[in-house]
């Protein structure tokens, strides 16, 4: 599986990779690859990061875009 963030969601996540990298003790590049869809989400670490990224997107997304 690969992350399916829209361009708007990627914009919302811009600059957040270092916080996730600190939380999960991985590189900022690793998190950015998940966000951009360049990294398969198949390890426990990538699944946890992806789950938290999706949660953050839902929190940051303007109400008119939430479904």
C-alpha atoms as a PDB file:
ATOM      1  CA  UNK A   1       0.000   0.000   0.000  1.00  0.00           C
ATOM      2  CA  UNK A   2       1.143   3.535  -0.750  1.00  0.00           C
ATOM      3  CA  UNK A   3      -0.120   6.722   0.932  1.00  0.00           C
ATOM      4  CA  UNK A   4      -2.857   8.414  -1.054  1.00  0.00           C
ATOM      5  CA  UNK A   5      -2.652  11.977   0.232  1.00  0.00           C
ATOM      6  CA  UNK A   6      -4.072  14.660  -2.041  1.00  0.00           C
ATOM      7  CA  UNK A   7      -1.995  17.713  -2.893  1.00  0.00           C
ATOM      8  CA  UNK A   8      -4.056  19.738  -0.386  1.00  0.00           C
ATOM      9  CA  UNK A   9      -3.360  17.168   2.322  1.00  0.00           C
ATOM     10  CA  UNK A  10       0.352  17.166   1.474  1.00  0.00           C
ATOM     11  CA  UNK A  11       0.305  20.938   1.856  1.00  0.00           C
ATOM     12  CA  UNK A  12      -1.296  20.589   5.297  1.00  0.00           C
ATOM     13  CA  UNK A  13       1.436  18.123   6.295  1.00  0.00           C
ATOM     14  CA  UNK A  14       4.263  20.316   4.992  1.00  0.00           C
ATOM     15  CA  UNK A  15       6.785  20.927   7.770  1.00  0.00           C
ATOM     16  CA  UNK A  16       5.381  18.248  10.069  1.00  0.00           C
ATOM     17  CA  UNK A  17       7.808  15.459   9.117  1.00  0.00           C
ATOM     18  CA  UNK A  18      10.418  16.340  11.746  1.00  0.00           C
ATOM     19  CA  UNK A  19       7.872  16.043  14.564  1.00  0.00           C
ATOM     20  CA  UNK A  20       6.865  12.588  13.352  1.00  0.00           C
ATOM     21  CA  UNK A  21      10.503  11.621  12.882  1.00  0.00           C
ATOM     22  CA  UNK A  22      11.239  12.598  16.484  1.00  0.00           C
ATOM     23  CA  UNK A  23       8.185  10.735  17.781  1.00  0.00           C
ATOM     24  CA  UNK A  24       8.976   7.531  15.889  1.00  0.00           C
ATOM     25  CA  UNK A  25      12.795   7.817  16.053  1.00  0.00           C
ATOM     26  CA  UNK A  26      13.256   7.673  12.307  1.00  0.00           C
ATOM     27  CA  UNK A  27      14.530  10.087   9.688  1.00  0.00           C
ATOM     28  CA  UNK A  28      12.605  13.071   8.396  1.00  0.00           C
ATOM     29  CA  UNK A  29      13.225  11.721   4.882  1.00  0.00           C
ATOM     30  CA  UNK A  30      11.473   8.467   5.779  1.00  0.00           C
ATOM     31  CA  UNK A  31       8.354  10.366   6.882  1.00  0.00           C
ATOM     32  CA  UNK A  32       8.484  12.598   3.794  1.00  0.00           C
ATOM     33  CA  UNK A  33       8.639   9.519   1.559  1.00  0.00           C
ATOM     34  CA  UNK A  34       5.500   8.162   3.210  1.00  0.00           C
ATOM     35  CA  UNK A  35       3.736  11.505   2.717  1.00  0.00           C
ATOM     36  CA  UNK A  36       4.772  11.777  -0.932  1.00  0.00           C
ATOM     37  CA  UNK A  37       3.875   8.162  -1.751  1.00  0.00           C
ATOM     38  CA  UNK A  38       7.457   7.077  -2.445  1.00  0.00           C
ATOM     39  CA  UNK A  39       7.506   4.552   0.412  1.00  0.00           C
ATOM     40  CA  UNK A  40       5.325   1.461   0.693  1.00  0.00           C
ATOM     41  CA  UNK A  41       3.382   1.215   3.927  1.00  0.00           C
ATOM     42  CA  UNK A  42       4.152  -2.360   4.840  1.00  0.00           C
ATOM     43  CA  UNK A  43       6.147  -2.231   8.092  1.00  0.00           C
ATOM     44  CA  UNK A  44       4.708  -1.667  11.539  1.00  0.00           C
ATOM     45  CA  UNK A  45       6.579   1.656  11.736  1.00  0.00           C
ATOM     46  CA  UNK A  46       5.264   2.948   8.413  1.00  0.00           C
ATOM     47  CA  UNK A  47       1.708   1.835   9.299  1.00  0.00           C
ATOM     48  CA  UNK A  48       1.847   3.727  12.593  1.00  0.00           C
ATOM     49  CA  UNK A  49       3.237   6.862  10.959  1.00  0.00           C
ATOM     50  CA  UNK A  50       0.623   6.719   8.185  1.00  0.00           C
ATOM     51  CA  UNK A  51      -2.181   6.290  10.697  1.00  0.00           C
ATOM     52  CA  UNK A  52      -1.041   9.331  12.675  1.00  0.00           C
ATOM     53  CA  UNK A  53      -0.596  11.365   9.490  1.00  0.00           C
ATOM     54  CA  UNK A  54      -4.174  10.571   8.431  1.00  0.00           C
ATOM     55  CA  UNK A  55      -5.434  11.583  11.883  1.00  0.00           C
ATOM     56  CA  UNK A  56      -3.529  14.870  11.707  1.00  0.00           C
ATOM     57  CA  UNK A  57      -4.912  15.611   8.241  1.00  0.00           C
ATOM     58  CA  UNK A  58      -8.459  15.115   9.528  1.00  0.00           C
ATOM     59  CA  UNK A  59      -7.774  17.505  12.405  1.00  0.00           C
ATOM     60  CA  UNK A  60      -6.165  20.184  10.221  1.00  0.00           C
ATOM     61  CA  UNK A  61      -8.519  19.972   7.262  1.00  0.00           C
ATOM     62  CA  UNK A  62     -11.054  22.813   7.125  1.00  0.00           C
ATOM     63  CA  UNK A  63     -14.540  21.647   8.123  1.00  0.00           C
ATOM     64  CA  UNK A  64     -15.941  22.268   4.651  1.00  0.00           C
ATOM     65  CA  UNK A  65     -13.523  19.629   3.275  1.00  0.00           C
ATOM     66  CA  UNK A  66     -14.189  17.000   5.947  1.00  0.00           C
ATOM     67  CA  UNK A  67     -16.541  14.243   4.824  1.00  0.00           C
END
